[in-house]
């Protein structure tokens, strides 16, 4: 009966998650060679660089796929030199089958405002900055929207090459094809909800596992929580880094999974090879 109840609950969780707009899912995958990158899905885009000369055993997170030059390119997220990046690489450079990834689509068209701005390699100020300023009034397309940042695709009149950069949405005049995408913000039903440093909120499960929201900041900033796993051979602590107030998929070292808020409770599914295999934990406050 306990197993049946768990699977029934898990099905409910999946149905709720499917109805809630979320951040981009990530798929951990290992490199098969050095990570050569472009800012967009073809060789006609600018080149951030080539990373991980010692590539064996390096894991990156695959986010999406797009066609370019007749082949699949994959948008990956990784940390290098202490900085976070999102960039595109050929599908042959990762071990993941690109068929499992969502295909990108154009969400709208946009014009950059007349300001001297530079972009980021991801949707937030904690991603590496791009030093080259963007040309004023550049026209282009919006490929993604996340945490009030947009991925802007355009041709740089200064270089003649195509570029993709992440910018705060208010830096552009945007014509959305289907209306501006909505992004969920979980309702904690907690008086500390508006506190930008939502600290020391503890969620417990029945087996002694618990979770602490260490820092929980506004959208566009970096937040993290700690998942403390007891009862699985030994104590195991997993820092989970997320954007703003919306949690989703995560990976830390050899742990991976996802977290989702439901009212003032938290559901976590986590896999730690050799420790726990896809265990679902419902954490009630």
C-alpha atoms as a PDB file:
ATOM      1  CA  UNK A   1       0.000   0.000   0.000  1.00  0.00           C
ATOM      2  CA  UNK A   2       2.825   2.413   0.826  1.00  0.00           C
ATOM      3  CA  UNK A   3       4.339   1.865  -2.628  1.00  0.00           C
ATOM      4  CA  UNK A   4       0.959   2.440  -4.282  1.00  0.00           C
ATOM      5  CA  UNK A   5       0.449   5.660  -2.337  1.00  0.00           C
ATOM      6  CA  UNK A   6       3.882   6.917  -3.331  1.00  0.00           C
ATOM      7  CA  UNK A   7       3.314   6.281  -7.039  1.00  0.00           C
ATOM      8  CA  UNK A   8      -0.124   7.882  -6.884  1.00  0.00           C
ATOM      9  CA  UNK A   9       1.393  10.931  -5.218  1.00  0.00           C
ATOM     10  CA  UNK A  10       4.239  11.004  -7.732  1.00  0.00           C
ATOM     11  CA  UNK A  11       1.725  10.952 -10.605  1.00  0.00           C
ATOM     12  CA  UNK A  12      -0.069  13.938  -9.066  1.00  0.00           C
ATOM     13  CA  UNK A  13       3.253  15.773  -8.783  1.00  0.00           C
ATOM     14  CA  UNK A  14       4.002  15.106 -12.451  1.00  0.00           C
ATOM     15  CA  UNK A  15       0.595  16.409 -13.517  1.00  0.00           C
ATOM     16  CA  UNK A  16       1.053  19.581 -11.483  1.00  0.00           C
ATOM     17  CA  UNK A  17       4.559  20.147 -12.830  1.00  0.00           C
ATOM     18  CA  UNK A  18       3.346  19.661 -16.389  1.00  0.00           C
ATOM     19  CA  UNK A  19       0.825  22.465 -15.921  1.00  0.00           C
ATOM     20  CA  UNK A  20       3.294  24.952 -14.439  1.00  0.00           C
ATOM     21  CA  UNK A  21       5.713  26.927 -16.627  1.00  0.00           C
ATOM     22  CA  UNK A  22       9.244  26.174 -15.454  1.00  0.00           C
ATOM     23  CA  UNK A  23      12.848  26.939 -16.137  1.00  0.00           C
ATOM     24  CA  UNK A  24      14.665  25.055 -18.846  1.00  0.00           C
ATOM     25  CA  UNK A  25      15.174  21.407 -17.982  1.00  0.00           C
ATOM     26  CA  UNK A  26      18.796  20.257 -18.013  1.00  0.00           C
ATOM     27  CA  UNK A  27      20.201  16.893 -19.055  1.00  0.00           C
ATOM     28  CA  UNK A  28      23.621  16.024 -17.605  1.00  0.00           C
ATOM     29  CA  UNK A  29      25.918  14.578 -20.254  1.00  0.00           C
ATOM     30  CA  UNK A  30      29.632  13.874 -20.595  1.00  0.00           C
ATOM     31  CA  UNK A  31      31.880  15.364 -23.241  1.00  0.00           C
ATOM     32  CA  UNK A  32      33.261  13.177 -26.010  1.00  0.00           C
ATOM     33  CA  UNK A  33      35.935  15.709 -27.017  1.00  0.00           C
ATOM     34  CA  UNK A  34      36.986  19.282 -26.261  1.00  0.00           C
ATOM     35  CA  UNK A  35      34.077  21.713 -25.982  1.00  0.00           C
ATOM     36  CA  UNK A  36      34.241  23.978 -29.032  1.00  0.00           C
ATOM     37  CA  UNK A  37      31.449  26.566 -28.797  1.00  0.00           C
ATOM     38  CA  UNK A  38      29.489  29.204 -30.682  1.00  0.00           C
ATOM     39  CA  UNK A  39      26.967  31.723 -29.369  1.00  0.00           C
ATOM     40  CA  UNK A  40      24.325  30.209 -31.655  1.00  0.00           C
ATOM     41  CA  UNK A  41      23.602  26.986 -33.551  1.00  0.00           C
ATOM     42  CA  UNK A  42      25.977  27.242 -36.537  1.00  0.00           C
ATOM     43  CA  UNK A  43      29.504  28.256 -37.487  1.00  0.00           C
ATOM     44  CA  UNK A  44      28.162  31.640 -38.650  1.00  0.00           C
ATOM     45  CA  UNK A  45      27.788  32.734 -35.012  1.00  0.00           C
ATOM     46  CA  UNK A  46      30.564  34.291 -32.926  1.00  0.00           C
ATOM     47  CA  UNK A  47      32.834  31.964 -30.989  1.00  0.00           C
ATOM     48  CA  UNK A  48      33.125  32.174 -27.180  1.00  0.00           C
ATOM     49  CA  UNK A  49      36.064  29.761 -27.231  1.00  0.00           C
ATOM     50  CA  UNK A  50      37.104  26.145 -26.784  1.00  0.00           C
ATOM     51  CA  UNK A  51      36.951  24.762 -23.245  1.00  0.00           C
ATOM     52  CA  UNK A  52      38.176  21.713 -21.301  1.00  0.00           C
ATOM     53  CA  UNK A  53      41.354  20.563 -23.017  1.00  0.00           C
ATOM     54  CA  UNK A  54      41.270  17.717 -20.457  1.00  0.00           C
ATOM     55  CA  UNK A  55      37.723  16.776 -21.422  1.00  0.00           C
ATOM     56  CA  UNK A  56      37.527  13.145 -20.307  1.00  0.00           C
ATOM     57  CA  UNK A  57      35.043  12.745 -17.460  1.00  0.00           C
ATOM     58  CA  UNK A  58      33.765  16.350 -17.743  1.00  0.00           C
ATOM     59  CA  UNK A  59      29.976  16.706 -17.421  1.00  0.00           C
ATOM     60  CA  UNK A  60      27.937  19.590 -18.832  1.00  0.00           C
ATOM     61  CA  UNK A  61      24.176  20.207 -18.834  1.00  0.00           C
ATOM     62  CA  UNK A  62      22.370  20.036 -22.186  1.00  0.00           C
ATOM     63  CA  UNK A  63      19.362  22.378 -22.423  1.00  0.00           C
ATOM     64  CA  UNK A  64      17.988  22.483 -25.986  1.00  0.00           C
ATOM     65  CA  UNK A  65      18.729  21.713 -29.615  1.00  0.00           C
ATOM     66  CA  UNK A  66      18.565  23.607 -32.919  1.00  0.00           C
ATOM     67  CA  UNK A  67      19.425  22.837 -36.530  1.00  0.00           C
ATOM     68  CA  UNK A  68      22.364  24.608 -38.162  1.00  0.00           C
ATOM     69  CA  UNK A  69      24.450  23.735 -41.212  1.00  0.00           C
ATOM     70  CA  UNK A  70      22.284  20.640 -41.618  1.00  0.00           C
ATOM     71  CA  UNK A  71      23.311  19.169 -38.235  1.00  0.00           C
ATOM     72  CA  UNK A  72      22.053  19.357 -34.684  1.00  0.00           C
ATOM     73  CA  UNK A  73      23.622  21.874 -32.330  1.00  0.00           C
ATOM     74  CA  UNK A  74      23.032  21.683 -28.591  1.00  0.00           C
ATOM     75  CA  UNK A  75      22.883  24.512 -26.071  1.00  0.00           C
ATOM     76  CA  UNK A  76      24.911  23.488 -23.029  1.00  0.00           C
ATOM     77  CA  UNK A  77      25.521  25.054 -19.630  1.00  0.00           C
ATOM     78  CA  UNK A  78      28.809  24.642 -17.790  1.00  0.00           C
ATOM     79  CA  UNK A  79      31.201  26.261 -15.345  1.00  0.00           C
ATOM     80  CA  UNK A  80      34.732  27.120 -16.421  1.00  0.00           C
ATOM     81  CA  UNK A  81      37.317  29.221 -14.619  1.00  0.00           C
ATOM     82  CA  UNK A  82      34.815  29.929 -11.855  1.00  0.00           C
ATOM     83  CA  UNK A  83      32.252  31.415 -14.278  1.00  0.00           C
ATOM     84  CA  UNK A  84      29.017  30.023 -15.694  1.00  0.00           C
ATOM     85  CA  UNK A  85      28.321  29.850 -19.429  1.00  0.00           C
ATOM     86  CA  UNK A  86      25.622  28.834 -21.856  1.00  0.00           C
ATOM     87  CA  UNK A  87      26.816  28.243 -25.401  1.00  0.00           C
ATOM     88  CA  UNK A  88      26.229  25.980 -28.410  1.00  0.00           C
ATOM     89  CA  UNK A  89      28.254  23.008 -29.543  1.00  0.00           C
ATOM     90  CA  UNK A  90      27.865  20.280 -32.155  1.00  0.00           C
ATOM     91  CA  UNK A  91      25.899  17.267 -30.924  1.00  0.00           C
ATOM     92  CA  UNK A  92      28.902  15.013 -31.663  1.00  0.00           C
ATOM     93  CA  UNK A  93      30.779  16.630 -28.769  1.00  0.00           C
ATOM     94  CA  UNK A  94      28.440  15.266 -26.078  1.00  0.00           C
ATOM     95  CA  UNK A  95      27.347  11.721 -25.260  1.00  0.00           C
ATOM     96  CA  UNK A  96      23.617  12.555 -25.127  1.00  0.00           C
ATOM     97  CA  UNK A  97      21.241  11.667 -27.972  1.00  0.00           C
ATOM     98  CA  UNK A  98      19.841  15.076 -29.051  1.00  0.00           C
ATOM     99  CA  UNK A  99      16.434  13.525 -29.756  1.00  0.00           C
ATOM    100  CA  UNK A 100      15.587  13.803 -26.029  1.00  0.00           C
ATOM    101  CA  UNK A 101      16.136  17.577 -26.010  1.00  0.00           C
ATOM    102  CA  UNK A 102      13.433  20.169 -26.705  1.00  0.00           C
ATOM    103  CA  UNK A 103      13.796  21.987 -30.021  1.00  0.00           C
ATOM    104  CA  UNK A 104      14.127  25.755 -29.840  1.00  0.00           C
ATOM    105  CA  UNK A 105      11.540  28.071 -31.339  1.00  0.00           C
ATOM    106  CA  UNK A 106      11.352  31.794 -32.019  1.00  0.00           C
ATOM    107  CA  UNK A 107       9.185  33.566 -29.423  1.00  0.00           C
ATOM    108  CA  UNK A 108       9.110  37.002 -31.028  1.00  0.00           C
ATOM    109  CA  UNK A 109      11.069  39.810 -32.658  1.00  0.00           C
ATOM    110  CA  UNK A 110      12.830  42.669 -30.898  1.00  0.00           C
ATOM    111  CA  UNK A 111      14.811  45.874 -31.301  1.00  0.00           C
ATOM    112  CA  UNK A 112      17.576  46.824 -28.899  1.00  0.00           C
ATOM    113  CA  UNK A 113      17.214  50.166 -27.155  1.00  0.00           C
ATOM    114  CA  UNK A 114      19.633  53.029 -27.791  1.00  0.00           C
ATOM    115  CA  UNK A 115      21.862  52.255 -24.837  1.00  0.00           C
ATOM    116  CA  UNK A 116      25.418  51.043 -24.462  1.00  0.00           C
ATOM    117  CA  UNK A 117      24.803  47.533 -23.160  1.00  0.00           C
ATOM    118  CA  UNK A 118      26.701  44.261 -23.206  1.00  0.00           C
ATOM    119  CA  UNK A 119      25.242  40.819 -22.743  1.00  0.00           C
ATOM    120  CA  UNK A 120      25.762  37.750 -20.602  1.00  0.00           C
ATOM    121  CA  UNK A 121      26.346  34.106 -21.437  1.00  0.00           C
ATOM    122  CA  UNK A 122      23.169  33.155 -19.612  1.00  0.00           C
ATOM    123  CA  UNK A 123      19.985  34.533 -18.020  1.00  0.00           C
ATOM    124  CA  UNK A 124      21.415  36.316 -14.993  1.00  0.00           C
ATOM    125  CA  UNK A 125      24.225  38.448 -13.648  1.00  0.00           C
ATOM    126  CA  UNK A 126      26.032  35.391 -12.261  1.00  0.00           C
ATOM    127  CA  UNK A 127      26.837  34.218 -15.793  1.00  0.00           C
ATOM    128  CA  UNK A 128      30.046  35.360 -17.487  1.00  0.00           C
ATOM    129  CA  UNK A 129      29.794  38.786 -19.087  1.00  0.00           C
ATOM    130  CA  UNK A 130      30.369  39.457 -22.784  1.00  0.00           C
ATOM    131  CA  UNK A 131      32.751  42.417 -23.106  1.00  0.00           C
ATOM    132  CA  UNK A 132      31.649  43.577 -26.578  1.00  0.00           C
ATOM    133  CA  UNK A 133      28.961  46.271 -26.495  1.00  0.00           C
ATOM    134  CA  UNK A 134      25.929  45.674 -28.698  1.00  0.00           C
ATOM    135  CA  UNK A 135      25.054  48.047 -31.560  1.00  0.00           C
ATOM    136  CA  UNK A 136      22.153  50.358 -30.717  1.00  0.00           C
ATOM    137  CA  UNK A 137      18.816  49.624 -32.392  1.00  0.00           C
ATOM    138  CA  UNK A 138      19.915  46.163 -33.511  1.00  0.00           C
ATOM    139  CA  UNK A 139      16.976  44.101 -34.794  1.00  0.00           C
ATOM    140  CA  UNK A 140      16.655  40.407 -34.104  1.00  0.00           C
ATOM    141  CA  UNK A 141      14.637  37.548 -32.658  1.00  0.00           C
ATOM    142  CA  UNK A 142      13.856  36.287 -29.170  1.00  0.00           C
ATOM    143  CA  UNK A 143      14.702  32.597 -28.743  1.00  0.00           C
ATOM    144  CA  UNK A 144      14.150  32.099 -25.000  1.00  0.00           C
ATOM    145  CA  UNK A 145      12.747  33.892 -21.963  1.00  0.00           C
ATOM    146  CA  UNK A 146      13.908  33.073 -18.449  1.00  0.00           C
ATOM    147  CA  UNK A 147      13.843  35.043 -15.183  1.00  0.00           C
ATOM    148  CA  UNK A 148      12.944  38.238 -17.049  1.00  0.00           C
ATOM    149  CA  UNK A 149      15.992  37.793 -19.290  1.00  0.00           C
ATOM    150  CA  UNK A 150      15.774  37.041 -23.007  1.00  0.00           C
ATOM    151  CA  UNK A 151      18.078  35.303 -25.452  1.00  0.00           C
ATOM    152  CA  UNK A 152      18.495  37.781 -28.321  1.00  0.00           C
ATOM    153  CA  UNK A 153      19.551  36.546 -31.774  1.00  0.00           C
ATOM    154  CA  UNK A 154      20.820  39.201 -34.207  1.00  0.00           C
ATOM    155  CA  UNK A 155      23.491  40.066 -36.752  1.00  0.00           C
ATOM    156  CA  UNK A 156      26.196  42.307 -35.320  1.00  0.00           C
ATOM    157  CA  UNK A 157      26.755  45.204 -37.724  1.00  0.00           C
ATOM    158  CA  UNK A 158      30.192  45.765 -36.171  1.00  0.00           C
ATOM    159  CA  UNK A 159      31.511  42.335 -37.164  1.00  0.00           C
ATOM    160  CA  UNK A 160      29.048  41.050 -39.777  1.00  0.00           C
ATOM    161  CA  UNK A 161      28.601  37.847 -37.742  1.00  0.00           C
ATOM    162  CA  UNK A 162      25.503  36.489 -36.056  1.00  0.00           C
ATOM    163  CA  UNK A 163      25.347  36.549 -32.267  1.00  0.00           C
ATOM    164  CA  UNK A 164      23.176  35.365 -29.435  1.00  0.00           C
ATOM    165  CA  UNK A 165      23.341  37.098 -26.088  1.00  0.00           C
ATOM    166  CA  UNK A 166      21.256  37.148 -22.921  1.00  0.00           C
ATOM    167  CA  UNK A 167      19.862  40.530 -21.864  1.00  0.00           C
ATOM    168  CA  UNK A 168      17.314  41.838 -19.361  1.00  0.00           C
ATOM    169  CA  UNK A 169      13.999  41.970 -21.218  1.00  0.00           C
ATOM    170  CA  UNK A 170      13.563  45.687 -20.472  1.00  0.00           C
ATOM    171  CA  UNK A 171      16.585  46.501 -22.665  1.00  0.00           C
ATOM    172  CA  UNK A 172      14.583  45.652 -25.791  1.00  0.00           C
ATOM    173  CA  UNK A 173      11.307  46.538 -27.460  1.00  0.00           C
ATOM    174  CA  UNK A 174       9.710  43.114 -27.990  1.00  0.00           C
ATOM    175  CA  UNK A 175       6.829  41.967 -30.164  1.00  0.00           C
ATOM    176  CA  UNK A 176       5.872  38.560 -28.748  1.00  0.00           C
ATOM    177  CA  UNK A 177       4.319  36.145 -31.228  1.00  0.00           C
ATOM    178  CA  UNK A 178       2.032  34.496 -28.694  1.00  0.00           C
ATOM    179  CA  UNK A 179       2.053  37.035 -25.887  1.00  0.00           C
ATOM    180  CA  UNK A 180       4.778  37.426 -23.309  1.00  0.00           C
ATOM    181  CA  UNK A 181       5.560  34.035 -21.723  1.00  0.00           C
ATOM    182  CA  UNK A 182       4.562  33.661 -18.096  1.00  0.00           C
ATOM    183  CA  UNK A 183       6.833  32.184 -15.458  1.00  0.00           C
ATOM    184  CA  UNK A 184       5.591  30.769 -12.236  1.00  0.00           C
ATOM    185  CA  UNK A 185       6.623  32.037  -8.843  1.00  0.00           C
ATOM    186  CA  UNK A 186       5.764  29.527  -6.111  1.00  0.00           C
ATOM    187  CA  UNK A 187       3.454  30.672  -3.340  1.00  0.00           C
ATOM    188  CA  UNK A 188       5.027  29.810  -0.024  1.00  0.00           C
ATOM    189  CA  UNK A 189       2.150  31.026   2.138  1.00  0.00           C
ATOM    190  CA  UNK A 190       4.838  32.336   4.431  1.00  0.00           C
ATOM    191  CA  UNK A 191       5.218  35.812   5.993  1.00  0.00           C
ATOM    192  CA  UNK A 192       8.896  35.785   4.995  1.00  0.00           C
ATOM    193  CA  UNK A 193       8.017  35.412   1.315  1.00  0.00           C
ATOM    194  CA  UNK A 194       9.005  38.988   0.437  1.00  0.00           C
ATOM    195  CA  UNK A 195      12.273  38.774   2.308  1.00  0.00           C
ATOM    196  CA  UNK A 196      14.989  38.707  -0.414  1.00  0.00           C
ATOM    197  CA  UNK A 197      17.140  36.561   1.900  1.00  0.00           C
ATOM    198  CA  UNK A 198      14.608  33.856   2.685  1.00  0.00           C
ATOM    199  CA  UNK A 199      16.929  31.979   5.036  1.00  0.00           C
ATOM    200  CA  UNK A 200      16.728  29.095   7.475  1.00  0.00           C
ATOM    201  CA  UNK A 201      13.460  27.629   6.172  1.00  0.00           C
ATOM    202  CA  UNK A 202      13.592  23.949   7.030  1.00  0.00           C
ATOM    203  CA  UNK A 203      11.515  21.258   5.320  1.00  0.00           C
ATOM    204  CA  UNK A 204      11.378  17.758   6.831  1.00  0.00           C
ATOM    205  CA  UNK A 205      10.431  14.352   5.482  1.00  0.00           C
ATOM    206  CA  UNK A 206       9.329  11.386   7.548  1.00  0.00           C
ATOM    207  CA  UNK A 207      12.638   9.531   7.361  1.00  0.00           C
ATOM    208  CA  UNK A 208      14.776  12.325   8.767  1.00  0.00           C
ATOM    209  CA  UNK A 209      15.750  13.827   5.411  1.00  0.00           C
ATOM    210  CA  UNK A 210      15.542  17.570   5.458  1.00  0.00           C
ATOM    211  CA  UNK A 211      16.108  20.598   3.255  1.00  0.00           C
ATOM    212  CA  UNK A 212      17.210  24.101   4.145  1.00  0.00           C
ATOM    213  CA  UNK A 213      16.709  27.135   1.912  1.00  0.00           C
ATOM    214  CA  UNK A 214      19.999  28.919   2.533  1.00  0.00           C
ATOM    215  CA  UNK A 215      19.469  31.928   0.283  1.00  0.00           C
ATOM    216  CA  UNK A 216      16.397  32.620  -1.767  1.00  0.00           C
ATOM    217  CA  UNK A 217      16.734  35.774  -3.798  1.00  0.00           C
ATOM    218  CA  UNK A 218      14.795  37.704  -6.385  1.00  0.00           C
ATOM    219  CA  UNK A 219      14.545  36.549 -10.027  1.00  0.00           C
ATOM    220  CA  UNK A 220      17.754  37.185 -11.942  1.00  0.00           C
ATOM    221  CA  UNK A 221      19.931  36.439  -8.924  1.00  0.00           C
ATOM    222  CA  UNK A 222      21.533  33.280  -7.565  1.00  0.00           C
ATOM    223  CA  UNK A 223      19.823  31.202  -4.884  1.00  0.00           C
ATOM    224  CA  UNK A 224      20.591  27.887  -3.279  1.00  0.00           C
ATOM    225  CA  UNK A 225      19.280  25.291  -0.880  1.00  0.00           C
ATOM    226  CA  UNK A 226      20.863  22.300   0.811  1.00  0.00           C
ATOM    227  CA  UNK A 227      19.301  18.849   0.697  1.00  0.00           C
ATOM    228  CA  UNK A 228      20.461  16.740   3.659  1.00  0.00           C
ATOM    229  CA  UNK A 229      19.933  13.019   3.047  1.00  0.00           C
ATOM    230  CA  UNK A 230      19.831  10.794   6.117  1.00  0.00           C
ATOM    231  CA  UNK A 231      18.955   7.136   6.219  1.00  0.00           C
ATOM    232  CA  UNK A 232      20.793   6.361   2.965  1.00  0.00           C
ATOM    233  CA  UNK A 233      23.903   4.665   4.402  1.00  0.00           C
ATOM    234  CA  UNK A 234      25.325   7.953   5.648  1.00  0.00           C
ATOM    235  CA  UNK A 235      24.778  11.681   5.786  1.00  0.00           C
ATOM    236  CA  UNK A 236      24.910  13.335   2.354  1.00  0.00           C
ATOM    237  CA  UNK A 237      24.618  17.057   1.695  1.00  0.00           C
ATOM    238  CA  UNK A 238      23.687  18.384  -1.771  1.00  0.00           C
ATOM    239  CA  UNK A 239      23.821  22.135  -2.485  1.00  0.00           C
ATOM    240  CA  UNK A 240      21.225  22.945  -5.167  1.00  0.00           C
ATOM    241  CA  UNK A 241      21.738  26.198  -7.067  1.00  0.00           C
ATOM    242  CA  UNK A 242      18.768  27.797  -8.804  1.00  0.00           C
ATOM    243  CA  UNK A 243      17.563  31.035 -10.360  1.00  0.00           C
ATOM    244  CA  UNK A 244      15.493  33.321  -8.166  1.00  0.00           C
ATOM    245  CA  UNK A 245      12.333  31.904  -6.657  1.00  0.00           C
ATOM    246  CA  UNK A 246      11.692  29.122  -9.148  1.00  0.00           C
ATOM    247  CA  UNK A 247      13.271  25.724  -8.602  1.00  0.00           C
ATOM    248  CA  UNK A 248      13.571  23.016 -11.228  1.00  0.00           C
ATOM    249  CA  UNK A 249      16.199  20.547 -12.428  1.00  0.00           C
ATOM    250  CA  UNK A 250      19.597  20.453 -10.738  1.00  0.00           C
ATOM    251  CA  UNK A 251      22.914  18.667 -10.724  1.00  0.00           C
ATOM    252  CA  UNK A 252      25.694  18.814  -8.149  1.00  0.00           C
ATOM    253  CA  UNK A 253      28.712  16.539  -8.531  1.00  0.00           C
ATOM    254  CA  UNK A 254      27.177  13.055  -8.820  1.00  0.00           C
ATOM    255  CA  UNK A 255      23.711  14.028  -7.546  1.00  0.00           C
ATOM    256  CA  UNK A 256      20.926  15.030  -9.927  1.00  0.00           C
ATOM    257  CA  UNK A 257      17.164  15.491  -9.835  1.00  0.00           C
ATOM    258  CA  UNK A 258      14.511  18.170  -9.589  1.00  0.00           C
ATOM    259  CA  UNK A 259      12.715  20.190  -6.923  1.00  0.00           C
ATOM    260  CA  UNK A 260       9.230  21.699  -7.066  1.00  0.00           C
ATOM    261  CA  UNK A 261       7.207  23.712  -4.565  1.00  0.00           C
ATOM    262  CA  UNK A 262       3.553  22.918  -3.933  1.00  0.00           C
ATOM    263  CA  UNK A 263       2.061  25.577  -1.694  1.00  0.00           C
ATOM    264  CA  UNK A 264       4.277  25.607   1.382  1.00  0.00           C
ATOM    265  CA  UNK A 265       5.638  22.095   0.815  1.00  0.00           C
ATOM    266  CA  UNK A 266       8.495  20.875  -1.329  1.00  0.00           C
ATOM    267  CA  UNK A 267       8.901  17.769  -3.484  1.00  0.00           C
ATOM    268  CA  UNK A 268      12.382  16.533  -4.429  1.00  0.00           C
ATOM    269  CA  UNK A 269      13.370  13.636  -6.632  1.00  0.00           C
ATOM    270  CA  UNK A 270      17.081  12.928  -6.352  1.00  0.00           C
ATOM    271  CA  UNK A 271      19.497  10.297  -7.647  1.00  0.00           C
ATOM    272  CA  UNK A 272      22.931   9.757  -6.103  1.00  0.00           C
ATOM    273  CA  UNK A 273      24.669   6.758  -7.732  1.00  0.00           C
ATOM    274  CA  UNK A 274      25.634   4.189  -5.129  1.00  0.00           C
ATOM    275  CA  UNK A 275      23.609   5.997  -2.459  1.00  0.00           C
ATOM    276  CA  UNK A 276      20.001   6.379  -3.565  1.00  0.00           C
ATOM    277  CA  UNK A 277      18.348   5.680  -6.902  1.00  0.00           C
ATOM    278  CA  UNK A 278      15.615   8.118  -7.999  1.00  0.00           C
ATOM    279  CA  UNK A 279      14.171   8.464  -4.503  1.00  0.00           C
ATOM    280  CA  UNK A 280      11.157  10.762  -4.227  1.00  0.00           C
ATOM    281  CA  UNK A 281      10.999  12.872  -1.065  1.00  0.00           C
ATOM    282  CA  UNK A 282       7.942  14.898  -0.067  1.00  0.00           C
ATOM    283  CA  UNK A 283       9.080  17.549   2.377  1.00  0.00           C
ATOM    284  CA  UNK A 284       6.366  19.120   4.518  1.00  0.00           C
ATOM    285  CA  UNK A 285       7.153  22.304   6.404  1.00  0.00           C
END
